[in-house]
Amino acid sequence: MSGKVRIGVFGAYRGMTMIEVLLRHPEAELVAICDKYKPALEKAGKAAREAGLDIALYENFEDFFRHDMDAVVLANYANEHAPFAIRLLKSGRHVLSEVLPCETMAQAVELIEAVEASGKVYAYAENYCYMWHAFEMRERYARGEIGEVMYAEGEYIHDCAAIWPGITYGERGHWRNNMYPTFYCTHSIGPMLSITGRRPVQVTGFITQRNNTVRPLGLKSGECAGIEIVTLDNGAICKSVHGHLKREPGSINYEIYGTKGSMESERFTPSYAPEGQEPELQVYREGDKLCVGTTERYRPGPQPIAGEMAKKFSTHGGSDFYPTHFFIEKILGRPDGEKYSIDVYHAVDMGICGILAYRSALAGNRPLRVPDLRDKAERDAWRHDNKCTNPAVAQGDDLLPCYPGGSMEYPDSVYEEVRKIWLSGKNAE
């Protein structure tokens, strides 16, 4: 491809971080933005104008879809990425998908086959894989500094109760209100897979009890957390925990234990801390003698890959720059894009762990095999599996409860109150 990559963004709220990157990236041209929520669209348009760009703004996806562009960033609702990605790939556009890759196993199969048939670039924007400490762990692991992974932990604790009005708007059918506890799993699972380069082969899911002290806000699973115990293809075990547990600030933490050492990110410094105050990384490397080695503690900064450009972006612990940058690099056929961009197979590996973990929890925590959907022979068993908690996708026995004990139901007054809080610009108390 010659010249800049012409990119559109679908979803101006979460997409604003990608928009900020695109407005300043030397090899990208932001050409269009789409969002049904006019204030978010106007804010994004203003940012583009201030950067000297006159771009197209759409409130309707069909109009946006017809715009002439090479690639699209999907930052729409997290349970709707796969259908839009599939359609865009079939139209000949490259796709960068924000989390999550798919809502059902059937979508996982269809998405993979759409990528394969189109020959276009699909990249997964799991930004937590690129937080400065997680990215540093990936590079050091790749150099063999701690040997082969034996055990790992990934933790994404984010109690969203206070901000629930601002992220669900009082909509009964909002995807967050219909989410089951292990669905939003790739912030904790993704970096463990990215750092080690391993593939999941088995998962067992667990759900905590509900926290009934939290005021009703419309979440049908109730306030709880999801846990996945994942077996990797080399026999290593990973523990992933994420969700609504009481901790402030929230925790984004990763630990990798290898055959010759370990790496741990600091738990008591927020990952979103100001520059120079980011979490420390501790690396232990065993030497020639058993149980004798060296320990380092330091605060990682941006990787030297596009380091000067990366320093300009601080959102989500500095991680929002890299997924967009490596997506562009991969479209342009460059080695960094091939090496660091998360492809569809790895994206699906990360996402279906949560899908299957919930099936496991519903079945009394029974371990379930994670299929390798790279293998075409494994796909047919899942091609028509639409089980999920979304009534727009699943009907009858395929429609699952949002919690193993049954979905919580709320009167309209709860959603009306949440909407009032959102419109007031305040948080829930």
Protein backbone atom coordinates (compact mmCIF):
# COMPACT_ATOMS: atom_id res chain seq x y z
CA MET A 1 0.00 0.00 0.00
CA SER A 2 1.32 3.44 -0.93
CA GLY A 3 0.45 6.59 1.00
CA LYS A 4 -1.39 6.88 4.28
CA VAL A 5 -3.88 4.27 5.46
CA ARG A 6 -7.39 5.79 5.36
CA ILE A 7 -9.14 4.76 8.55
CA GLY A 8 -12.63 5.22 9.98
CA VAL A 9 -13.68 4.77 13.60
CA PHE A 10 -17.01 3.23 14.64
CA GLY A 11 -17.72 4.31 18.22
CA ALA A 12 -16.63 7.76 19.34
CA TYR A 13 -16.71 7.15 23.11
CA ARG A 14 -14.18 4.34 23.59
CA GLY A 15 -12.89 5.12 20.12
CA MET A 16 -11.68 8.55 21.24
CA THR A 17 -8.37 7.07 22.37
CA MET A 18 -7.82 5.53 18.93
CA ILE A 19 -8.93 8.79 17.31
CA GLU A 20 -6.26 10.67 19.27
CA VAL A 21 -3.61 8.27 17.95
CA LEU A 22 -4.86 8.46 14.37
CA LEU A 23 -4.89 12.26 14.43
CA ARG A 24 -1.17 12.28 15.22
CA HIS A 25 0.06 9.17 13.41
CA PRO A 26 2.24 10.04 10.38
CA GLU A 27 1.04 7.08 8.30
CA ALA A 28 -2.69 7.22 9.02
CA GLU A 29 -5.46 9.46 7.76
CA LEU A 30 -8.62 9.61 9.83
CA VAL A 31 -11.44 9.99 7.30
CA ALA A 32 -14.72 9.20 9.10
CA ILE A 33 -16.28 8.67 12.52
CA CYS A 34 -19.63 7.09 13.36
CA ASP A 35 -21.62 7.14 16.60
CA LYS A 36 -25.34 7.23 17.34
CA TYR A 37 -24.71 9.42 20.40
CA LYS A 38 -24.40 12.93 19.01
CA PRO A 39 -22.43 14.57 21.87
CA ALA A 40 -19.66 11.96 21.56
CA LEU A 41 -19.64 12.36 17.78
CA GLU A 42 -19.41 16.15 18.06
CA LYS A 43 -16.56 15.90 20.55
CA ALA A 44 -14.62 13.65 18.17
CA GLY A 45 -15.35 15.97 15.24
CA LYS A 46 -14.08 18.93 17.23
CA ALA A 47 -10.81 17.11 17.98
CA ALA A 48 -10.39 16.41 14.26
CA ARG A 49 -11.04 20.03 13.32
CA GLU A 50 -8.53 21.22 15.89
CA ALA A 51 -6.00 18.90 14.26
CA GLY A 52 -6.77 20.54 10.89
CA LEU A 53 -8.89 17.74 9.45
CA ASP A 54 -12.30 17.98 7.83
CA ILE A 55 -13.68 14.48 8.27
CA ALA A 56 -17.07 12.85 7.68
CA LEU A 57 -19.29 12.37 10.73
CA TYR A 58 -22.08 9.80 10.66
CA GLU A 59 -24.84 8.88 13.10
CA ASN A 60 -25.86 5.89 10.97
CA PHE A 61 -23.58 2.88 10.39
CA GLU A 62 -24.92 2.19 6.89
CA ASP A 63 -23.84 5.63 5.73
CA PHE A 64 -20.47 5.18 7.45
CA PHE A 65 -20.07 1.73 5.84
CA ARG A 66 -20.34 3.26 2.37
CA HIS A 67 -17.54 5.76 3.03
CA ASP A 68 -14.34 5.18 1.04
CA MET A 69 -11.76 3.89 3.53
CA ASP A 70 -9.12 1.18 3.79
CA ALA A 71 -9.68 0.15 7.38
CA VAL A 72 -12.05 0.52 10.32
CA VAL A 73 -11.49 0.65 14.06
CA LEU A 74 -14.39 -1.03 15.87
CA ALA A 75 -14.99 0.66 19.22
CA ASN A 76 -18.71 -0.03 19.41
CA TYR A 77 -20.48 -2.14 22.04
CA ALA A 78 -18.18 -4.93 23.25
CA ASN A 79 -20.61 -7.75 22.43
CA GLU A 80 -21.17 -6.56 18.85
CA HIS A 81 -17.66 -6.50 17.41
CA ALA A 82 -17.72 -9.79 15.52
CA PRO A 83 -20.79 -9.15 13.30
CA PHE A 84 -19.47 -5.75 12.21
CA ALA A 85 -15.93 -7.09 11.75
CA ILE A 86 -17.20 -9.93 9.55
CA ARG A 87 -19.18 -7.57 7.36
CA LEU A 88 -16.29 -5.11 7.00
CA LEU A 89 -13.80 -7.86 6.18
CA LYS A 90 -16.12 -9.18 3.47
CA SER A 91 -16.28 -5.67 2.02
CA GLY A 92 -12.48 -5.59 1.68
CA ARG A 93 -11.62 -3.45 4.71
CA HIS A 94 -8.97 -4.17 7.34
CA VAL A 95 -10.34 -4.29 10.91
CA LEU A 96 -9.00 -3.33 14.31
CA SER A 97 -11.42 -4.73 16.90
CA GLU A 98 -11.55 -3.38 20.42
CA VAL A 99 -12.48 -5.88 23.15
CA LEU A 100 -14.09 -8.42 22.93
CA PRO A 101 -13.54 -10.45 19.75
CA CYS A 102 -16.82 -12.40 19.79
CA GLU A 103 -19.94 -13.07 21.85
CA THR A 104 -20.50 -16.71 20.88
CA MET A 105 -18.53 -19.72 19.70
CA ALA A 106 -20.38 -19.53 16.36
CA GLN A 107 -19.15 -15.96 15.91
CA ALA A 108 -15.60 -17.10 16.70
CA VAL A 109 -15.71 -19.58 13.81
CA GLU A 110 -17.34 -17.12 11.42
CA LEU A 111 -14.87 -14.37 12.30
CA ILE A 112 -11.83 -16.59 11.71
CA GLU A 113 -13.17 -17.76 8.37
CA ALA A 114 -13.98 -14.19 7.30
CA VAL A 115 -10.38 -13.17 7.99
CA GLU A 116 -9.03 -16.17 6.09
CA ALA A 117 -11.31 -15.60 3.10
CA SER A 118 -10.69 -11.87 2.87
CA GLY A 119 -6.92 -11.87 3.19
CA LYS A 120 -7.26 -8.59 5.08
CA VAL A 121 -5.60 -7.62 8.35
CA TYR A 122 -7.59 -8.29 11.49
CA ALA A 123 -6.03 -7.03 14.70
CA TYR A 124 -7.28 -7.24 18.27
CA ALA A 125 -6.85 -4.11 20.38
CA GLU A 126 -6.40 -5.80 23.78
CA ASN A 127 -4.55 -2.80 25.08
CA TYR A 128 -3.64 -4.36 28.43
CA CYS A 129 -1.14 -6.55 26.57
CA TYR A 130 0.71 -3.32 25.79
CA MET A 131 0.77 -1.65 29.19
CA TRP A 132 4.36 -0.72 29.80
CA HIS A 133 4.92 -3.40 32.45
CA ALA A 134 3.09 -6.13 30.48
CA PHE A 135 4.91 -5.30 27.24
CA GLU A 136 8.24 -5.33 29.08
CA MET A 137 7.41 -8.76 30.50
CA ARG A 138 6.67 -10.04 27.01
CA GLU A 139 10.05 -8.86 25.71
CA ARG A 140 12.00 -10.31 28.62
CA TYR A 141 10.13 -13.62 28.45
CA ALA A 142 10.88 -13.85 24.72
CA ARG A 143 14.58 -13.50 25.50
CA GLY A 144 14.30 -16.56 27.72
CA GLU A 145 15.19 -14.73 30.90
CA ILE A 146 12.93 -16.75 33.23
CA GLY A 147 12.70 -19.97 31.26
CA GLU A 148 9.39 -21.62 30.35
CA VAL A 149 6.17 -20.62 32.09
CA MET A 150 4.89 -22.96 34.81
CA TYR A 151 2.27 -20.75 36.50
CA ALA A 152 0.81 -17.30 35.85
CA GLU A 153 -1.74 -14.92 37.31
CA GLY A 154 -3.66 -12.12 35.65
CA GLU A 155 -5.82 -9.74 37.65
CA TYR A 156 -8.21 -7.04 36.44
CA ILE A 157 -10.19 -5.78 39.42
CA HIS A 158 -12.40 -2.86 38.52
CA ASP A 159 -15.41 -2.06 40.68
CA CYS A 160 -17.62 -0.15 38.25
CA ALA A 161 -20.54 0.44 40.61
CA ALA A 162 -19.99 4.19 40.95
CA ILE A 163 -19.60 4.76 37.20
CA TRP A 164 -22.35 2.34 36.14
CA PRO A 165 -24.74 5.16 35.13
CA GLY A 166 -22.07 6.69 32.90
CA ILE A 167 -21.36 3.44 31.06
CA THR A 168 -24.88 1.97 30.76
CA TYR A 169 -27.06 5.15 30.51
CA GLY A 170 -29.95 3.42 32.26
CA GLU A 171 -30.56 1.12 29.27
CA ARG A 172 -32.14 -2.17 30.35
CA GLY A 173 -30.75 -3.92 27.27
CA HIS A 174 -27.24 -2.49 27.50
CA TRP A 175 -24.64 -5.20 26.97
CA ARG A 176 -23.06 -4.52 30.35
CA ASN A 177 -26.37 -5.19 32.10
CA ASN A 178 -26.72 -8.50 30.22
CA MET A 179 -23.10 -9.55 30.74
CA TYR A 180 -22.21 -12.76 32.59
CA PRO A 181 -19.30 -12.70 35.06
CA THR A 182 -16.58 -14.38 32.95
CA PHE A 183 -17.37 -12.57 29.67
CA TYR A 184 -15.02 -9.59 30.03
CA CYS A 185 -11.96 -11.78 30.50
CA THR A 186 -9.28 -10.63 28.07
CA HIS A 187 -7.82 -7.85 30.24
CA SER A 188 -6.64 -10.56 32.64
CA ILE A 189 -6.17 -13.55 30.30
CA GLY A 190 -4.85 -11.68 27.26
CA PRO A 191 -1.52 -10.47 28.68
CA MET A 192 -0.69 -13.91 30.10
CA LEU A 193 -1.11 -15.44 26.64
CA SER A 194 0.66 -12.54 24.94
CA ILE A 195 3.63 -12.59 27.32
CA THR A 196 4.17 -16.35 27.10
CA GLY A 197 3.07 -17.00 23.52
CA ARG A 198 1.20 -20.11 24.71
CA ARG A 199 -2.27 -21.37 23.75
CA PRO A 200 -5.09 -22.32 26.17
CA VAL A 201 -6.22 -25.95 26.00
CA GLN A 202 -8.56 -26.26 29.01
CA VAL A 203 -10.56 -23.90 31.23
CA THR A 204 -12.51 -24.21 34.46
CA GLY A 205 -14.78 -21.34 35.46
CA PHE A 206 -15.84 -20.07 38.87
CA ILE A 207 -18.17 -17.26 39.93
CA THR A 208 -18.11 -15.55 43.33
CA GLN A 209 -21.25 -14.94 45.33
CA ARG A 210 -23.09 -11.66 44.72
CA ASN A 211 -22.34 -8.57 46.76
CA ASN A 212 -25.83 -7.66 47.89
CA THR A 213 -24.70 -4.52 49.75
CA VAL A 214 -24.48 -2.60 46.45
CA ARG A 215 -27.57 -0.59 45.49
CA PRO A 216 -29.51 -1.97 42.47
CA LEU A 217 -28.03 -0.52 39.27
CA GLY A 218 -29.44 -2.89 36.63
CA LEU A 219 -26.64 -5.46 36.30
CA LYS A 220 -28.49 -8.75 35.88
CA SER A 221 -25.65 -10.92 37.18
CA GLY A 222 -25.35 -8.78 40.28
CA GLU A 223 -22.05 -7.45 41.63
CA CYS A 224 -19.62 -10.38 41.52
CA ALA A 225 -16.39 -11.57 39.93
CA GLY A 226 -15.37 -14.23 37.44
CA ILE A 227 -12.39 -16.55 37.74
CA GLU A 228 -10.87 -18.75 35.03
CA ILE A 229 -8.32 -21.47 35.69
CA VAL A 230 -6.64 -22.03 32.34
CA THR A 231 -4.31 -24.85 31.33
CA LEU A 232 -1.80 -23.91 28.62
CA ASP A 233 -0.49 -26.12 25.85
CA ASN A 234 2.78 -26.77 27.72
CA GLY A 235 0.97 -27.87 30.89
CA ALA A 236 1.30 -24.55 32.74
CA ILE A 237 -1.61 -23.28 34.85
CA CYS A 238 -2.97 -19.72 34.80
CA LYS A 239 -5.38 -18.01 37.17
CA SER A 240 -7.44 -15.13 35.80
CA VAL A 241 -9.67 -13.00 38.03
CA HIS A 242 -11.72 -9.99 36.99
CA GLY A 243 -14.80 -8.06 37.93
CA HIS A 244 -16.51 -6.17 40.71
CA LEU A 245 -14.46 -6.68 43.85
CA LYS A 246 -13.96 -3.95 46.44
CA ARG A 247 -10.52 -2.46 45.86
CA GLU A 248 -9.53 1.12 45.16
CA PRO A 249 -7.67 1.86 43.11
CA GLY A 250 -8.43 -1.13 40.94
CA SER A 251 -5.77 -3.74 40.29
CA ILE A 252 -4.13 -4.59 36.99
CA ASN A 253 -1.49 -7.10 37.87
CA TYR A 254 0.40 -9.93 36.17
CA GLU A 255 2.73 -12.60 37.53
CA ILE A 256 4.68 -15.12 35.46
CA TYR A 257 6.61 -17.94 37.13
CA GLY A 258 9.06 -19.76 34.89
CA THR A 259 11.49 -22.64 35.17
CA LYS A 260 14.40 -20.25 35.82
CA GLY A 261 12.81 -17.20 37.43
CA SER A 262 9.76 -14.98 37.72
CA MET A 263 8.31 -11.59 36.78
CA GLU A 264 5.74 -9.70 38.84
CA SER A 265 4.15 -6.30 38.38
CA GLU A 266 3.51 -4.17 41.44
CA ARG A 267 -0.02 -4.43 42.87
CA PHE A 268 -0.18 -1.31 45.01
CA THR A 269 0.52 1.39 42.43
CA PRO A 270 -2.26 2.16 39.94
CA SER A 271 -1.40 1.17 36.39
CA TYR A 272 -2.81 4.55 35.32
CA ALA A 273 -0.42 6.48 37.57
CA PRO A 274 1.27 9.60 36.14
CA GLU A 275 4.41 9.15 34.07
CA GLY A 276 7.38 8.30 36.26
CA GLN A 277 5.12 6.74 38.91
CA GLU A 278 4.00 3.66 36.98
CA PRO A 279 3.99 0.23 38.68
CA GLU A 280 7.36 -1.33 39.26
CA LEU A 281 8.33 -4.62 37.71
CA GLN A 282 10.25 -7.18 39.75
CA VAL A 283 12.27 -9.77 37.85
CA TYR A 284 14.03 -12.67 39.55
CA ARG A 285 16.49 -14.79 37.57
CA GLU A 286 18.04 -17.89 39.04
CA GLY A 287 21.74 -18.35 38.35
CA ASP A 288 23.90 -21.45 38.11
CA LYS A 289 23.16 -22.44 41.72
CA LEU A 290 19.71 -23.55 42.86
CA CYS A 291 17.72 -20.82 44.63
CA VAL A 292 20.47 -18.27 44.10
CA GLY A 293 19.99 -15.48 41.61
CA THR A 294 19.50 -11.79 40.95
CA THR A 295 16.48 -9.56 41.53
CA GLU A 296 15.71 -6.31 39.70
CA ARG A 297 13.03 -3.75 40.54
CA TYR A 298 12.36 -0.83 38.20
CA ARG A 299 9.63 1.16 36.48
CA PRO A 300 9.36 0.21 32.80
CA GLY A 301 8.69 2.94 30.26
CA PRO A 302 7.57 2.69 26.64
CA GLN A 303 9.31 0.12 24.51
CA PRO A 304 11.96 1.56 22.18
CA ILE A 305 9.68 0.50 19.30
CA ALA A 306 8.26 3.85 18.14
CA GLY A 307 9.31 5.10 21.56
CA GLU A 308 9.14 8.83 20.92
CA MET A 309 5.65 8.58 19.45
CA ALA A 310 4.51 6.20 22.21
CA LYS A 311 5.51 8.73 24.89
CA LYS A 312 2.76 11.08 23.67
CA PHE A 313 -0.03 8.76 24.80
CA SER A 314 -0.73 8.06 28.47
CA THR A 315 -4.28 6.62 28.51
CA HIS A 316 -4.71 3.12 29.95
CA GLY A 317 -1.20 3.04 31.30
CA GLY A 318 0.27 4.15 27.99
CA SER A 319 -1.15 1.14 26.21
CA ASP A 320 -3.66 2.68 23.81
CA PHE A 321 -1.04 3.73 21.26
CA TYR A 322 0.42 0.31 20.45
CA PRO A 323 -2.63 -1.65 19.17
CA THR A 324 -3.43 1.10 16.65
CA HIS A 325 0.20 1.61 15.68
CA PHE A 326 0.91 -2.08 15.11
CA PHE A 327 -2.35 -2.42 13.16
CA ILE A 328 -1.14 0.26 10.76
CA GLU A 329 2.30 -1.32 10.61
CA LYS A 330 0.80 -4.71 9.75
CA ILE A 331 -1.34 -3.23 6.97
CA LEU A 332 1.84 -1.69 5.57
CA GLY A 333 3.56 -5.08 5.68
CA ARG A 334 6.17 -4.14 8.26
CA PRO A 335 7.90 -6.58 10.64
CA ASP A 336 6.79 -4.86 13.87
CA GLY A 337 3.17 -5.18 12.82
CA GLU A 338 3.58 -8.86 12.04
CA LYS A 339 5.36 -9.49 15.33
CA TYR A 340 3.30 -7.48 17.79
CA SER A 341 -0.21 -7.09 16.38
CA ILE A 342 -2.64 -9.61 17.91
CA ASP A 343 -4.14 -11.71 15.10
CA VAL A 344 -7.57 -13.31 14.95
CA TYR A 345 -6.43 -16.71 16.25
CA HIS A 346 -4.84 -15.27 19.37
CA ALA A 347 -7.79 -12.91 19.85
CA VAL A 348 -10.25 -15.79 19.74
CA ASP A 349 -8.06 -17.82 22.13
CA MET A 350 -8.30 -14.97 24.64
CA GLY A 351 -12.04 -14.45 24.24
CA ILE A 352 -13.42 -17.98 24.17
CA CYS A 353 -11.76 -18.79 27.49
CA GLY A 354 -14.42 -16.60 29.10
CA ILE A 355 -17.25 -18.07 27.02
CA LEU A 356 -16.31 -21.62 27.94
CA ALA A 357 -15.49 -20.74 31.55
CA TYR A 358 -19.09 -19.69 32.02
CA ARG A 359 -20.30 -22.98 30.54
CA SER A 360 -17.99 -24.67 33.04
CA ALA A 361 -19.43 -22.69 35.96
CA LEU A 362 -22.98 -23.54 34.87
CA ALA A 363 -21.97 -27.21 34.78
CA GLY A 364 -20.70 -27.24 38.34
CA ASN A 365 -17.14 -26.05 37.54
CA ARG A 366 -16.45 -28.93 35.17
CA PRO A 367 -13.19 -28.48 33.19
CA LEU A 368 -13.82 -27.89 29.47
CA ARG A 369 -11.48 -28.31 26.55
CA VAL A 370 -10.65 -25.12 24.65
CA PRO A 371 -10.73 -25.90 20.91
CA ASP A 372 -7.96 -24.78 18.59
CA LEU A 373 -10.01 -23.04 15.92
CA ARG A 374 -6.94 -22.71 13.70
CA ASP A 375 -7.72 -26.33 12.87
CA LYS A 376 -10.58 -26.38 10.35
CA ALA A 377 -11.56 -29.86 11.51
CA GLU A 378 -12.48 -28.47 14.94
CA ARG A 379 -14.79 -25.72 13.70
CA ASP A 380 -17.92 -27.63 12.72
CA ALA A 381 -18.65 -28.62 16.30
CA TRP A 382 -19.01 -24.92 17.19
CA ARG A 383 -20.29 -23.42 13.93
CA HIS A 384 -23.90 -23.12 15.12
CA ASP A 385 -23.28 -22.62 18.84
CA ASN A 386 -24.98 -19.34 19.74
CA LYS A 387 -25.34 -19.86 23.48
CA CYS A 388 -25.03 -16.56 25.35
CA THR A 389 -26.96 -14.19 27.63
CA ASN A 390 -28.02 -11.82 24.85
CA PRO A 391 -31.70 -12.31 23.86
CA ALA A 392 -31.01 -10.63 20.50
CA VAL A 393 -28.65 -13.50 19.61
CA ALA A 394 -29.85 -16.54 21.56
CA GLN A 395 -33.34 -17.95 21.94
CA GLY A 396 -34.83 -20.90 23.77
CA ASP A 397 -32.32 -23.18 25.47
CA ASP A 398 -29.45 -21.17 23.95
CA LEU A 399 -30.36 -18.14 26.08
CA LEU A 400 -28.35 -18.48 29.27
CA PRO A 401 -28.96 -16.79 32.63
CA CYS A 402 -26.59 -13.97 33.55
CA TYR A 403 -25.60 -15.75 36.78
CA PRO A 404 -25.52 -19.47 37.61
CA GLY A 405 -28.28 -18.97 40.16
CA GLY A 406 -30.43 -17.05 37.68
CA SER A 407 -30.56 -13.51 36.34
CA MET A 408 -31.61 -10.69 38.63
CA GLU A 409 -34.60 -8.73 37.33
CA TYR A 410 -35.28 -5.08 38.14
CA PRO A 411 -38.32 -2.84 37.77
CA ASP A 412 -38.24 0.01 35.26
CA SER A 413 -37.76 2.42 38.15
CA VAL A 414 -34.18 1.16 38.68
CA TYR A 415 -33.20 1.96 35.10
CA GLU A 416 -35.01 5.30 35.24
CA GLU A 417 -33.03 6.23 38.35
CA VAL A 418 -29.73 5.16 36.75
CA ARG A 419 -30.57 7.27 33.70
CA LYS A 420 -31.27 10.29 35.90
CA ILE A 421 -27.88 9.88 37.58
CA TRP A 422 -26.19 9.66 34.17
CA LEU A 423 -27.93 12.77 32.87
CA SER A 424 -26.92 14.64 36.01
CA GLY A 425 -23.27 13.94 35.22
CA LYS A 426 -22.71 12.40 38.65
CA ASN A 427 -21.63 8.96 39.83
CA ALA A 428 -23.79 6.53 41.76
CA GLU A 429 -23.31 6.66 45.53
